N, C-alpha and C. Protein backbone atom coordinates (compact mmCIF):
# COMPACT_ATOMS: atom_id res chain seq x y z
N MET A 1 -7.57 4.20 7.18
CA MET A 1 -8.65 3.18 6.66
C MET A 1 -9.02 2.12 7.47
N PRO A 2 -10.09 2.12 8.20
CA PRO A 2 -10.18 1.19 9.30
C PRO A 2 -10.13 -0.30 8.96
N SER A 3 -9.53 -1.21 9.80
CA SER A 3 -9.23 -2.55 9.45
C SER A 3 -10.33 -3.41 10.26
N ASN A 4 -11.22 -2.86 10.64
CA ASN A 4 -12.53 -3.66 11.15
C ASN A 4 -13.85 -3.21 10.72
N ASN A 5 -14.91 -3.85 11.09
CA ASN A 5 -16.34 -3.56 10.65
C ASN A 5 -17.02 -3.23 11.79
N VAL A 6 -16.51 -2.66 12.86
CA VAL A 6 -17.24 -2.21 14.01
C VAL A 6 -18.24 -1.05 13.76
N GLN A 7 -17.84 0.00 12.99
CA GLN A 7 -18.80 1.07 12.58
C GLN A 7 -19.92 0.66 11.78
N LYS A 8 -19.52 -0.29 10.81
CA LYS A 8 -20.68 -0.89 10.01
C LYS A 8 -21.90 -1.68 10.72
N PHE A 9 -21.39 -2.64 11.79
CA PHE A 9 -22.00 -3.30 12.68
C PHE A 9 -22.89 -2.15 13.44
N ARG A 10 -22.32 -1.18 14.00
CA ARG A 10 -22.82 -0.40 14.97
C ARG A 10 -24.10 0.51 14.14
N GLU A 11 -23.95 0.95 12.96
CA GLU A 11 -24.77 1.60 12.32
C GLU A 11 -25.91 1.00 11.68
N ALA A 12 -25.49 -0.36 11.41
CA ALA A 12 -26.63 -1.34 11.15
C ALA A 12 -27.71 -1.49 12.24
N LEU A 13 -27.31 -1.34 13.47
CA LEU A 13 -28.25 -1.32 14.35
C LEU A 13 -28.82 -0.04 14.78
N MET A 14 -28.37 1.05 14.12
CA MET A 14 -28.76 2.30 14.47
C MET A 14 -28.42 2.78 15.80
N MET A 15 -27.12 2.56 16.19
CA MET A 15 -26.56 2.73 17.39
C MET A 15 -25.50 3.93 17.28
N SER A 16 -25.57 4.91 18.07
CA SER A 16 -24.65 5.89 18.27
C SER A 16 -23.45 5.56 18.86
N LYS A 17 -22.27 6.03 18.62
CA LYS A 17 -20.97 5.82 19.35
C LYS A 17 -21.02 5.82 20.86
N VAL A 18 -21.97 6.85 21.38
CA VAL A 18 -22.16 6.93 22.85
C VAL A 18 -22.93 5.97 23.35
N GLU A 19 -24.05 5.43 22.74
CA GLU A 19 -24.69 4.24 23.00
C GLU A 19 -23.96 2.97 23.29
N LEU A 20 -23.05 2.74 21.93
CA LEU A 20 -22.24 1.75 22.12
C LEU A 20 -21.19 1.68 23.31
N ALA A 21 -20.54 2.84 23.48
CA ALA A 21 -19.77 3.01 24.56
C ALA A 21 -20.14 2.70 25.79
N ARG A 22 -21.46 3.16 26.14
CA ARG A 22 -22.06 3.15 27.36
C ARG A 22 -22.46 1.55 27.56
N LYS A 23 -22.99 0.81 26.73
CA LYS A 23 -23.31 -0.45 26.68
C LYS A 23 -22.03 -1.41 26.82
N ALA A 24 -20.95 -1.01 26.27
CA ALA A 24 -19.94 -1.75 26.42
C ALA A 24 -19.09 -1.38 27.73
N GLY A 25 -19.18 -0.41 28.34
CA GLY A 25 -18.65 0.13 29.38
C GLY A 25 -17.09 0.66 29.21
N ILE A 26 -16.85 1.12 28.07
CA ILE A 26 -15.80 1.88 27.65
C ILE A 26 -16.03 3.09 27.10
N SER A 27 -14.91 3.89 26.89
CA SER A 27 -15.10 5.45 26.58
C SER A 27 -15.41 5.58 24.98
N THR A 28 -16.04 6.83 24.72
CA THR A 28 -16.52 7.05 23.38
C THR A 28 -14.95 7.22 22.66
N LEU A 29 -13.87 7.68 23.40
CA LEU A 29 -12.73 7.92 22.60
C LEU A 29 -12.27 6.53 22.21
N THR A 30 -12.49 5.44 23.14
CA THR A 30 -12.18 4.05 22.81
C THR A 30 -12.75 3.64 21.45
N ILE A 31 -14.02 3.89 21.40
CA ILE A 31 -14.78 3.50 20.15
C ILE A 31 -14.33 4.16 19.00
N ASP A 32 -13.85 5.60 19.11
CA ASP A 32 -13.38 6.28 17.92
C ASP A 32 -12.17 5.54 17.48
N ARG A 33 -11.42 5.32 18.31
CA ARG A 33 -9.92 4.75 18.07
C ARG A 33 -10.14 3.32 17.54
N VAL A 34 -11.07 2.34 17.69
CA VAL A 34 -11.31 1.01 17.24
C VAL A 34 -11.83 1.43 15.81
N GLU A 35 -12.84 2.21 15.79
CA GLU A 35 -13.59 2.43 14.53
C GLU A 35 -12.39 2.90 13.50
N ALA A 36 -11.40 3.68 13.96
CA ALA A 36 -10.43 4.38 13.09
C ALA A 36 -9.30 3.05 12.86
N GLY A 37 -9.42 1.84 13.36
CA GLY A 37 -8.40 0.87 12.98
C GLY A 37 -7.29 0.81 13.97
N ARG A 38 -7.29 1.50 14.98
CA ARG A 38 -6.37 1.42 15.97
C ARG A 38 -6.39 0.05 16.78
N PRO A 39 -5.21 -0.55 17.16
CA PRO A 39 -5.40 -1.67 17.95
C PRO A 39 -5.94 -1.43 19.28
N CYS A 40 -6.54 -2.59 19.92
CA CYS A 40 -7.32 -2.46 21.03
C CYS A 40 -6.95 -4.00 21.82
N ARG A 41 -7.17 -3.91 23.14
CA ARG A 41 -7.02 -5.17 24.05
C ARG A 41 -8.12 -6.02 23.60
N LEU A 42 -7.81 -7.39 23.99
CA LEU A 42 -9.02 -8.51 23.63
C LEU A 42 -10.10 -8.33 24.53
N ASP A 43 -10.01 -7.85 25.77
CA ASP A 43 -11.02 -7.47 26.56
C ASP A 43 -12.19 -6.58 26.07
N THR A 44 -11.53 -5.27 25.34
CA THR A 44 -12.12 -4.46 24.82
C THR A 44 -12.88 -4.97 23.41
N LYS A 45 -12.24 -5.84 22.84
CA LYS A 45 -13.10 -6.37 21.68
C LYS A 45 -14.08 -7.38 22.18
N ARG A 46 -13.93 -8.04 23.08
CA ARG A 46 -15.02 -8.85 23.72
C ARG A 46 -16.25 -7.99 24.29
N LYS A 47 -16.19 -6.69 24.99
CA LYS A 47 -17.06 -6.05 25.39
C LYS A 47 -17.86 -5.29 24.17
N ILE A 48 -17.28 -5.00 23.09
CA ILE A 48 -17.90 -4.31 21.91
C ILE A 48 -18.46 -5.38 21.33
N LEU A 49 -18.10 -6.69 21.20
CA LEU A 49 -19.12 -7.69 20.32
C LEU A 49 -20.34 -7.96 21.19
N LEU A 50 -20.26 -8.12 22.54
CA LEU A 50 -21.43 -8.25 23.50
C LEU A 50 -22.42 -7.12 23.46
N ALA A 51 -21.76 -5.97 23.44
CA ALA A 51 -22.58 -4.82 23.35
C ALA A 51 -23.53 -4.63 21.80
N LEU A 52 -22.73 -5.16 20.96
CA LEU A 52 -23.24 -5.13 19.58
C LEU A 52 -24.41 -6.38 19.53
N SER A 53 -24.60 -7.27 20.75
CA SER A 53 -25.51 -8.19 20.60
C SER A 53 -24.72 -9.50 19.74
N LEU A 54 -23.72 -9.62 19.71
CA LEU A 54 -23.00 -10.78 18.84
C LEU A 54 -22.34 -11.66 19.70
N ARG A 55 -21.94 -12.75 18.98
CA ARG A 55 -21.39 -13.80 19.92
C ARG A 55 -19.69 -13.50 19.69
N ILE A 56 -19.04 -14.15 20.73
CA ILE A 56 -17.47 -14.03 20.54
C ILE A 56 -17.04 -14.81 19.37
N THR A 57 -17.70 -15.44 18.97
CA THR A 57 -17.32 -16.35 17.72
C THR A 57 -17.49 -15.60 16.49
N ASP A 58 -18.13 -14.41 16.64
CA ASP A 58 -18.29 -13.35 15.48
C ASP A 58 -17.23 -12.74 15.42
N LYS A 59 -16.06 -12.56 15.91
CA LYS A 59 -15.09 -11.86 16.14
C LYS A 59 -14.41 -11.58 14.92
N ASP A 60 -14.29 -12.65 13.98
CA ASP A 60 -13.52 -12.35 12.78
C ASP A 60 -14.59 -11.66 11.78
N GLN A 61 -15.67 -11.67 11.79
CA GLN A 61 -16.36 -10.96 11.02
C GLN A 61 -16.25 -9.35 11.39
N VAL A 62 -16.19 -9.02 12.59
CA VAL A 62 -16.28 -7.81 13.12
C VAL A 62 -14.58 -7.13 12.91
N PHE A 63 -13.69 -7.77 13.47
CA PHE A 63 -12.46 -7.35 13.73
C PHE A 63 -11.42 -8.01 12.65
N GLY A 64 -11.87 -8.83 11.82
CA GLY A 64 -10.94 -9.56 10.76
C GLY A 64 -10.08 -10.63 11.52
N SER A 65 -9.48 -11.32 10.77
CA SER A 65 -8.69 -12.58 11.40
C SER A 65 -7.53 -12.06 11.82
N VAL A 66 -6.97 -12.40 12.94
CA VAL A 66 -5.79 -11.96 13.66
C VAL A 66 -4.53 -12.77 12.78
N ALA A 67 -4.86 -13.92 12.61
CA ALA A 67 -3.75 -14.75 12.14
C ALA A 67 -3.48 -14.23 10.74
N ARG A 68 -4.34 -13.99 9.80
CA ARG A 68 -4.14 -13.20 8.54
C ARG A 68 -3.39 -12.01 8.62
N THR A 69 -3.91 -11.26 9.54
CA THR A 69 -3.16 -9.96 9.68
C THR A 69 -1.71 -10.08 10.18
N ALA A 70 -1.52 -10.95 11.08
CA ALA A 70 -0.40 -11.06 11.78
C ALA A 70 0.76 -11.63 10.53
N HIS A 71 0.32 -12.44 9.99
CA HIS A 71 1.05 -13.21 8.88
C HIS A 71 1.26 -12.12 7.69
N ALA A 72 0.42 -11.30 7.23
CA ALA A 72 0.47 -10.25 6.20
C ALA A 72 1.48 -9.35 6.65
N GLU A 73 1.67 -9.11 7.71
CA GLU A 73 2.65 -8.01 8.14
C GLU A 73 4.05 -8.49 8.47
N ARG A 74 4.27 -9.94 8.24
CA ARG A 74 5.59 -10.47 8.32
C ARG A 74 6.32 -10.35 6.99
N ALA A 75 7.41 -9.97 7.03
CA ALA A 75 8.34 -10.21 5.76
C ALA A 75 8.90 -11.76 5.63
N PRO A 76 9.25 -12.30 4.59
CA PRO A 76 9.50 -13.64 4.37
C PRO A 76 10.66 -13.99 5.34
N ASN A 77 11.51 -13.17 5.41
CA ASN A 77 12.70 -13.26 6.49
C ASN A 77 12.31 -13.36 7.86
N ASP A 78 11.18 -12.93 8.25
CA ASP A 78 10.95 -12.62 9.64
C ASP A 78 10.18 -14.00 10.17
N LEU A 79 10.10 -14.99 9.36
CA LEU A 79 9.22 -16.34 9.74
C LEU A 79 10.02 -17.14 10.84
N PRO A 80 9.39 -17.53 11.73
CA PRO A 80 10.13 -18.34 12.72
C PRO A 80 10.48 -19.74 12.34
N ASP A 81 11.68 -20.11 12.90
CA ASP A 81 12.30 -21.40 12.73
C ASP A 81 11.67 -22.44 13.42
N PHE A 82 11.20 -23.48 13.01
CA PHE A 82 10.42 -24.40 13.63
C PHE A 82 11.40 -25.76 13.83
């Protein structure tokens, strides 16, 4: 199950995976992986956002909140000591 909205944004623009990959300067395989919810580098996310004509500040709408995801994956005993 995808953990991001890349496919929804791409399809709303009526853009193919090939076109998004070309505009972003990354491979179609990377687009497949990202849309499947696999992790990717921050630079890849930036390239995808710009290729979708979005701002970097729109990242949480497309990729979800990193802080919320990281917190949800932690067990209560894994919290750091401050």
